[in-house]
C-alpha atoms as a PDB file:
ATOM      1  CA  MET A   1      -0.022  -0.040   0.037  1.00  0.00           C
ATOM      2  CA  GLN A   2       1.459   3.656  -0.779  1.00  0.00           C
ATOM      3  CA  TYR A   3       0.355   6.666   1.366  1.00  0.00           C
ATOM      4  CA  LEU A   4      -0.389  10.254   1.308  1.00  0.00           C
ATOM      5  CA  LEU A   5       0.108  11.869   4.283  1.00  0.00           C
ATOM      6  CA  ASP A   6      -1.509  15.102   4.917  1.00  0.00           C
ATOM      7  CA  THR A   7      -0.367  18.325   6.093  1.00  0.00           C
ATOM      8  CA  ASN A   8      -1.448  17.680  10.055  1.00  0.00           C
ATOM      9  CA  MET A   9       0.231  14.276   9.926  1.00  0.00           C
ATOM     10  CA  CYS A  10       4.128  16.421   8.438  1.00  0.00           C
ATOM     11  CA  VAL A  11       3.010  18.822  11.212  1.00  0.00           C
ATOM     12  CA  PHE A  12       2.903  16.195  14.337  1.00  0.00           C
ATOM     13  CA  PHE A  13       6.099  15.081  13.343  1.00  0.00           C
ATOM     14  CA  LEU A  14       7.908  18.184  12.904  1.00  0.00           C
ATOM     15  CA  ARG A  15       6.496  19.215  16.245  1.00  0.00           C
ATOM     16  CA  GLY A  16       7.160  16.283  17.979  1.00  0.00           C
ATOM     17  CA  LYS A  17       3.306  14.180  18.326  1.00  0.00           C
ATOM     18  CA  LEU A  18       4.312  11.558  16.266  1.00  0.00           C
ATOM     19  CA  LYS A  19       7.378   8.954  14.923  1.00  0.00           C
ATOM     20  CA  LEU A  20       6.798   9.765  11.462  1.00  0.00           C
ATOM     21  CA  ASP A  21      10.355   8.408  10.805  1.00  0.00           C
ATOM     22  CA  GLU A  22       9.369   5.149  12.095  1.00  0.00           C
ATOM     23  CA  ILE A  23       6.496   5.053  10.961  1.00  0.00           C
ATOM     24  CA  ILE A  24       7.900   5.869   7.147  1.00  0.00           C
ATOM     25  CA  ARG A  25      10.944   3.485   8.114  1.00  0.00           C
ATOM     26  CA  GLU A  26       8.363   0.406   8.395  1.00  0.00           C
ATOM     27  CA  ARG A  27       5.560   1.554   5.456  1.00  0.00           C
ATOM     28  CA  GLY A  28       8.398   1.804   3.463  1.00  0.00           C
ATOM     29  CA  ILE A  29      10.234   5.307   2.397  1.00  0.00           C
ATOM     30  CA  ASP A  30       9.163   4.377  -1.276  1.00  0.00           C
ATOM     31  CA  ASN A  31       5.216   3.926  -0.591  1.00  0.00           C
ATOM     32  CA  CYS A  32       5.010   7.224   1.586  1.00  0.00           C
ATOM     33  CA  PHE A  33       4.284  10.775  -0.526  1.00  0.00           C
ATOM     34  CA  ILE A  34       3.358  14.350   0.186  1.00  0.00           C
ATOM     35  CA  SER A  35       1.136  16.404  -2.116  1.00  0.00           C
ATOM     36  CA  GLU A  36       3.354  19.764  -3.049  1.00  0.00           C
ATOM     37  CA  LEU A  37       0.193  21.734  -1.883  1.00  0.00           C
ATOM     38  CA  THR A  38       1.316  20.627   1.320  1.00  0.00           C
ATOM     39  CA  VAL A  39       5.068  21.957   0.801  1.00  0.00           C
ATOM     40  CA  PHE A  40       3.216  25.126   0.481  1.00  0.00           C
ATOM     41  CA  GLU A  41       1.203  24.451   3.488  1.00  0.00           C
ATOM     42  CA  LEU A  42       4.503  23.763   5.630  1.00  0.00           C
ATOM     43  CA  LYS A  43       6.394  26.721   4.478  1.00  0.00           C
ATOM     44  CA  TYR A  44       3.934  28.650   5.092  1.00  0.00           C
ATOM     45  CA  GLY A  45       4.006  27.297   8.680  1.00  0.00           C
ATOM     46  CA  ALA A  46       7.783  27.329   9.380  1.00  0.00           C
ATOM     47  CA  GLU A  47       7.146  31.436   7.928  1.00  0.00           C
ATOM     48  CA  ASN A  48       5.428  32.326  10.070  1.00  0.00           C
ATOM     49  CA  SER A  49       6.578  30.833  13.018  1.00  0.00           C
ATOM     50  CA  ASP A  50       8.484  31.906  16.297  1.00  0.00           C
ATOM     51  CA  ASN A  51      11.810  30.953  14.787  1.00  0.00           C
ATOM     52  CA  PRO A  52      11.216  30.823  10.741  1.00  0.00           C
ATOM     53  CA  LYS A  53      14.934  30.095   9.903  1.00  0.00           C
ATOM     54  CA  LYS A  54      14.829  26.733  12.224  1.00  0.00           C
ATOM     55  CA  SER A  55      11.495  25.941  10.954  1.00  0.00           C
ATOM     56  CA  HIS A  56      11.984  26.445   7.208  1.00  0.00           C
ATOM     57  CA  LYS A  57      15.805  24.436   7.829  1.00  0.00           C
ATOM     58  CA  ALA A  58      13.643  21.728   9.694  1.00  0.00           C
ATOM     59  CA  VAL A  59      10.637  21.338   7.114  1.00  0.00           C
ATOM     60  CA  ASP A  60      13.816  21.247   4.424  1.00  0.00           C
ATOM     61  CA  ASN A  61      14.960  18.432   6.028  1.00  0.00           C
ATOM     62  CA  PHE A  62      11.506  16.673   6.146  1.00  0.00           C
ATOM     63  CA  VAL A  63      10.763  17.605   2.409  1.00  0.00           C
ATOM     64  CA  LYS A  64      14.090  16.140   0.835  1.00  0.00           C
ATOM     65  CA  GLY A  65      13.293  12.450   2.515  1.00  0.00           C
ATOM     66  CA  LEU A  66       9.945  12.196   0.539  1.00  0.00           C
ATOM     67  CA  SER A  67       8.928  11.917  -3.061  1.00  0.00           C
ATOM     68  CA  VAL A  68       6.211  15.233  -3.960  1.00  0.00           C
ATOM     69  CA  ILE A  69       3.182  15.018  -5.686  1.00  0.00           C
ATOM     70  CA  PRO A  70       2.851  17.920  -8.128  1.00  0.00           C
ATOM     71  CA  ILE A  71      -0.229  19.031  -8.135  1.00  0.00           C
ATOM     72  CA  TYR A  72      -0.964  19.845 -12.120  1.00  0.00           C
ATOM     73  CA  GLY A  73      -1.436  16.143 -13.250  1.00  0.00           C
ATOM     74  CA  ILE A  74      -5.245  16.629 -11.224  1.00  0.00           C
ATOM     75  CA  VAL A  75      -6.604  19.645 -11.389  1.00  0.00           C
ATOM     76  CA  GLU A  76      -9.774  17.917 -14.122  1.00  0.00           C
ATOM     77  CA  ARG A  77     -10.328  15.841 -10.988  1.00  0.00           C
ATOM     78  CA  TYR A  78      -9.793  18.216  -8.862  1.00  0.00           C
ATOM     79  CA  ALA A  79     -12.729  20.315 -10.804  1.00  0.00           C
ATOM     80  CA  GLU A  80     -14.887  17.595 -11.555  1.00  0.00           C
ATOM     81  CA  GLU A  81     -15.143  17.090  -7.338  1.00  0.00           C
ATOM     82  CA  LYS A  82     -15.758  20.408  -6.469  1.00  0.00           C
ATOM     83  CA  VAL A  83     -18.697  20.568  -9.020  1.00  0.00           C
ATOM     84  CA  ARG A  84     -20.345  17.589  -7.631  1.00  0.00           C
ATOM     85  CA  LEU A  85     -19.893  18.245  -4.188  1.00  0.00           C
ATOM     86  CA  ARG A  86     -21.077  21.031  -4.803  1.00  0.00           C
ATOM     87  CA  LYS A  87     -23.836  19.743  -6.528  1.00  0.00           C
ATOM     88  CA  ASN A  88     -24.260  17.980  -3.912  1.00  0.00           C
ATOM     89  CA  GLY A  89     -25.254  20.192  -1.352  1.00  0.00           C
ATOM     90  CA  THR A  90     -22.269  18.657   0.316  1.00  0.00           C
ATOM     91  CA  PRO A  91     -18.570  21.318  -0.751  1.00  0.00           C
ATOM     92  CA  MET A  92     -15.805  20.750   0.976  1.00  0.00           C
ATOM     93  CA  ASN A  93     -15.081  24.027   3.200  1.00  0.00           C
ATOM     94  CA  ASP A  94     -10.960  23.877   2.973  1.00  0.00           C
ATOM     95  CA  GLU A  95      -9.737  23.597  -0.449  1.00  0.00           C
ATOM     96  CA  PHE A  96      -6.244  23.012  -0.228  1.00  0.00           C
ATOM     97  CA  ASP A  97      -7.986  19.292   2.091  1.00  0.00           C
ATOM     98  CA  LEU A  98      -9.643  19.176  -1.671  1.00  0.00           C
ATOM     99  CA  ILE A  99      -6.540  19.616  -3.449  1.00  0.00           C
ATOM    100  CA  ILE A 100      -4.699  17.131  -1.123  1.00  0.00           C
ATOM    101  CA  GLY A 101      -7.534  14.303  -1.274  1.00  0.00           C
ATOM    102  CA  VAL A 102      -8.081  14.394  -5.107  1.00  0.00           C
ATOM    103  CA  THR A 103      -4.391  13.915  -5.250  1.00  0.00           C
ATOM    104  CA  ALA A 104      -4.907  10.868  -3.357  1.00  0.00           C
ATOM    105  CA  ILE A 105      -7.731   9.739  -5.556  1.00  0.00           C
ATOM    106  CA  VAL A 106      -5.683  10.340  -8.999  1.00  0.00           C
ATOM    107  CA  ASN A 107      -2.796   8.299  -7.785  1.00  0.00           C
ATOM    108  CA  ASP A 108      -4.049   5.660  -6.268  1.00  0.00           C
ATOM    109  CA  LEU A 109      -3.123   6.556  -3.001  1.00  0.00           C
ATOM    110  CA  THR A 110      -4.468   5.928   1.000  1.00  0.00           C
ATOM    111  CA  LEU A 111      -4.509   9.790   2.298  1.00  0.00           C
ATOM    112  CA  VAL A 112      -2.693   9.807   6.007  1.00  0.00           C
ATOM    113  CA  THR A 113      -4.831  12.001   8.194  1.00  0.00           C
ATOM    114  CA  ASP A 114      -6.281  13.241  11.361  1.00  0.00           C
ATOM    115  CA  ASN A 115      -9.051  15.008   9.786  1.00  0.00           C
ATOM    116  CA  ILE A 116     -10.606  11.979   8.106  1.00  0.00           C
ATOM    117  CA  LYS A 117     -14.525  13.389   8.668  1.00  0.00           C
ATOM    118  CA  ASP A 118     -13.386  16.720   6.136  1.00  0.00           C
ATOM    119  CA  PHE A 119     -13.446  13.359   3.316  1.00  0.00           C
ATOM    120  CA  LYS A 120     -15.851  12.033   4.104  1.00  0.00           C
ATOM    121  CA  HIS A 121     -18.167  13.247   1.111  1.00  0.00           C
ATOM    122  CA  LEU A 122     -15.134  12.081  -1.120  1.00  0.00           C
ATOM    123  CA  ASN A 123     -15.418   9.356  -3.319  1.00  0.00           C
ATOM    124  CA  LYS A 124     -12.882   6.555  -3.588  1.00  0.00           C
ATOM    125  CA  LEU A 125     -11.180   7.513  -1.800  1.00  0.00           C
ATOM    126  CA  ASN A 126      -9.410   5.287   1.632  1.00  0.00           C
ATOM    127  CA  VAL A 127      -7.613   7.192   4.598  1.00  0.00           C
ATOM    128  CA  GLU A 128      -5.989   6.109   7.997  1.00  0.00           C
ATOM    129  CA  ASN A 129      -5.478   7.931  10.576  1.00  0.00           C
ATOM    130  CA  TRP A 130      -1.188   7.639  12.183  1.00  0.00           C
ATOM    131  CA  PHE A 131      -1.925   9.579  15.011  1.00  0.00           C
ATOM    132  CA  VAL A 132      -2.735   8.380  18.446  1.00  0.00           C
ATOM    133  CA  ARG A 133      -4.257  10.779  21.371  1.00  0.00           C
ATOM    134  CA  LYS A 134      -3.357  10.399  24.957  1.00  0.00           C
END
């Protein structure tokens, strides 16, 4: 099985709340991906942090170990899903979540997120949550 890590999983790791590196080792680094959009979100978070230089370095080190999937290849499917969700009266509130979810669908990846409910209306999306609250 192959996985797309949602931004929240990456943030949990960067904040020391999730031993994502261990899980990735178990699942296989070649089976774990992030969206190009997740890199955007992580870089924004780094820039907005108390120590941007340190945060950018942590993000860069994290990202360099993973394959990054570009979002351009999902444009048509994104448009189809956005229209379908709107017509069904179940639009997604977060545009970035829609893009990340569709990226997982198009690339046949299981989305790993702590926000499973946010993706419940996306068809053909498999989700897992690797974060355990204590």
